[in-house]
């Protein structure tokens, strides 16, 4: 595994776990009696987020062994953390407000 493939693994695992979690939540909401109050438990959401960040974090940390300078390693780590947070925040906002689960 090299630098690029470990980053691809990290981002694909992170995005797929988040998308699968939201898809399961949407399916439960649609098939349930009440769209607004049904859905996944908050503990399952937290567990899915922890699973997504830990597995993708492992691959990101693994990709850092191909970077020589410590400053670049730090920039690489911070950049991926910020991008992951922005992705999750935007996608969560669009999911919740887009389907009318809650309002802002």
Protein backbone atom coordinates (compact mmCIF):
# COMPACT_ATOMS: atom_id res chain seq x y z
CA UNK A 1 0.00 0.00 0.00
CA UNK A 2 1.39 3.41 -0.90
CA UNK A 3 0.55 7.02 -0.05
CA UNK A 4 -2.20 7.51 -2.61
CA UNK A 5 -3.93 4.17 -2.07
CA UNK A 6 -4.02 4.61 1.69
CA UNK A 7 -5.63 8.03 1.26
CA UNK A 8 -8.17 6.53 -1.14
CA UNK A 9 -8.93 3.79 1.39
CA UNK A 10 -9.28 6.36 4.17
CA UNK A 11 -11.68 8.63 2.34
CA UNK A 12 -13.71 5.83 0.75
CA UNK A 13 -14.21 4.12 4.13
CA UNK A 14 -15.15 7.38 5.81
CA UNK A 15 -17.61 8.46 3.13
CA UNK A 16 -19.15 5.01 2.70
CA UNK A 17 -19.75 4.47 6.44
CA UNK A 18 -21.35 7.91 6.76
CA UNK A 19 -23.52 7.40 3.67
CA UNK A 20 -24.58 3.92 4.78
CA UNK A 21 -25.52 5.26 8.21
CA UNK A 22 -27.66 8.02 6.72
CA UNK A 23 -29.20 5.57 4.25
CA UNK A 24 -30.20 3.19 7.05
CA UNK A 25 -31.64 6.09 9.02
CA UNK A 26 -33.65 7.26 6.01
CA UNK A 27 -34.96 3.74 5.34
CA UNK A 28 -36.08 3.38 8.96
CA UNK A 29 -37.77 6.76 8.82
CA UNK A 30 -39.60 6.00 5.58
CA UNK A 31 -40.72 2.53 6.63
CA UNK A 32 -41.69 3.62 10.15
CA UNK A 33 -44.94 5.10 11.32
CA UNK A 34 -43.64 8.58 12.08
CA UNK A 35 -40.99 10.06 9.80
CA UNK A 36 -39.88 12.77 12.19
CA UNK A 37 -39.51 10.80 15.41
CA UNK A 38 -38.36 7.43 14.12
CA UNK A 39 -34.90 6.69 12.80
CA UNK A 40 -31.66 5.42 14.20
CA UNK A 41 -30.75 5.73 17.82
CA UNK A 42 -28.21 8.43 18.69
CA UNK A 43 -25.87 5.82 20.12
CA UNK A 44 -25.76 4.08 16.75
CA UNK A 45 -24.90 7.38 15.06
CA UNK A 46 -22.09 8.00 17.52
CA UNK A 47 -20.79 4.45 17.07
CA UNK A 48 -20.86 4.85 13.28
CA UNK A 49 -19.01 8.16 13.45
CA UNK A 50 -16.39 6.66 15.77
CA UNK A 51 -16.01 3.65 13.47
CA UNK A 52 -15.68 5.87 10.40
CA UNK A 53 -13.14 8.20 11.95
CA UNK A 54 -11.07 5.46 13.53
CA UNK A 55 -10.78 3.34 10.39
CA UNK A 56 -10.08 6.30 8.14
CA UNK A 57 -7.74 7.73 10.76
CA UNK A 58 -5.75 4.51 10.70
CA UNK A 59 -5.27 4.76 6.94
CA UNK A 60 -4.39 8.46 7.15
CA UNK A 61 -1.81 7.77 9.85
CA UNK A 62 -0.47 4.92 7.73
CA UNK A 63 -0.11 7.24 4.75
CA UNK A 64 1.96 9.62 6.86
CA UNK A 65 4.89 7.21 6.91
CA UNK A 66 5.57 8.16 3.29
CA UNK A 67 6.00 11.83 4.24
CA UNK A 68 9.48 12.74 5.42
CA UNK A 69 9.21 16.13 7.15
CA UNK A 70 7.26 16.49 10.38
CA UNK A 71 5.77 19.80 9.31
CA UNK A 72 4.28 18.19 6.22
CA UNK A 73 2.96 15.31 8.33
CA UNK A 74 1.22 17.79 10.60
CA UNK A 75 -0.22 19.72 7.63
CA UNK A 76 -1.39 16.45 6.08
CA UNK A 77 -3.09 15.34 9.29
CA UNK A 78 -4.77 18.68 10.01
CA UNK A 79 -5.95 19.04 6.41
CA UNK A 80 -7.59 15.63 6.42
CA UNK A 81 -9.22 16.23 9.81
CA UNK A 82 -10.63 19.58 8.70
CA UNK A 83 -11.88 18.20 5.38
CA UNK A 84 -13.50 15.24 7.14
CA UNK A 85 -15.25 17.54 9.60
CA UNK A 86 -16.45 19.84 6.82
CA UNK A 87 -17.77 16.87 4.82
CA UNK A 88 -19.64 15.49 7.81
CA UNK A 89 -21.04 18.88 8.82
CA UNK A 90 -22.26 19.76 5.33
CA UNK A 91 -23.70 16.32 4.61
CA UNK A 92 -25.44 16.16 8.00
CA UNK A 93 -26.89 19.62 7.50
CA UNK A 94 -28.15 18.78 4.01
CA UNK A 95 -29.60 15.49 5.21
CA UNK A 96 -31.42 16.90 8.22
CA UNK A 97 -32.70 20.11 6.61
CA UNK A 98 -33.18 18.63 3.13
CA UNK A 99 -35.54 15.90 4.30
CA UNK A 100 -37.25 18.17 6.80
CA UNK A 101 -36.24 16.12 9.83
CA UNK A 102 -35.48 19.30 11.71
CA UNK A 103 -35.20 22.99 10.94
CA UNK A 104 -32.45 25.46 11.63
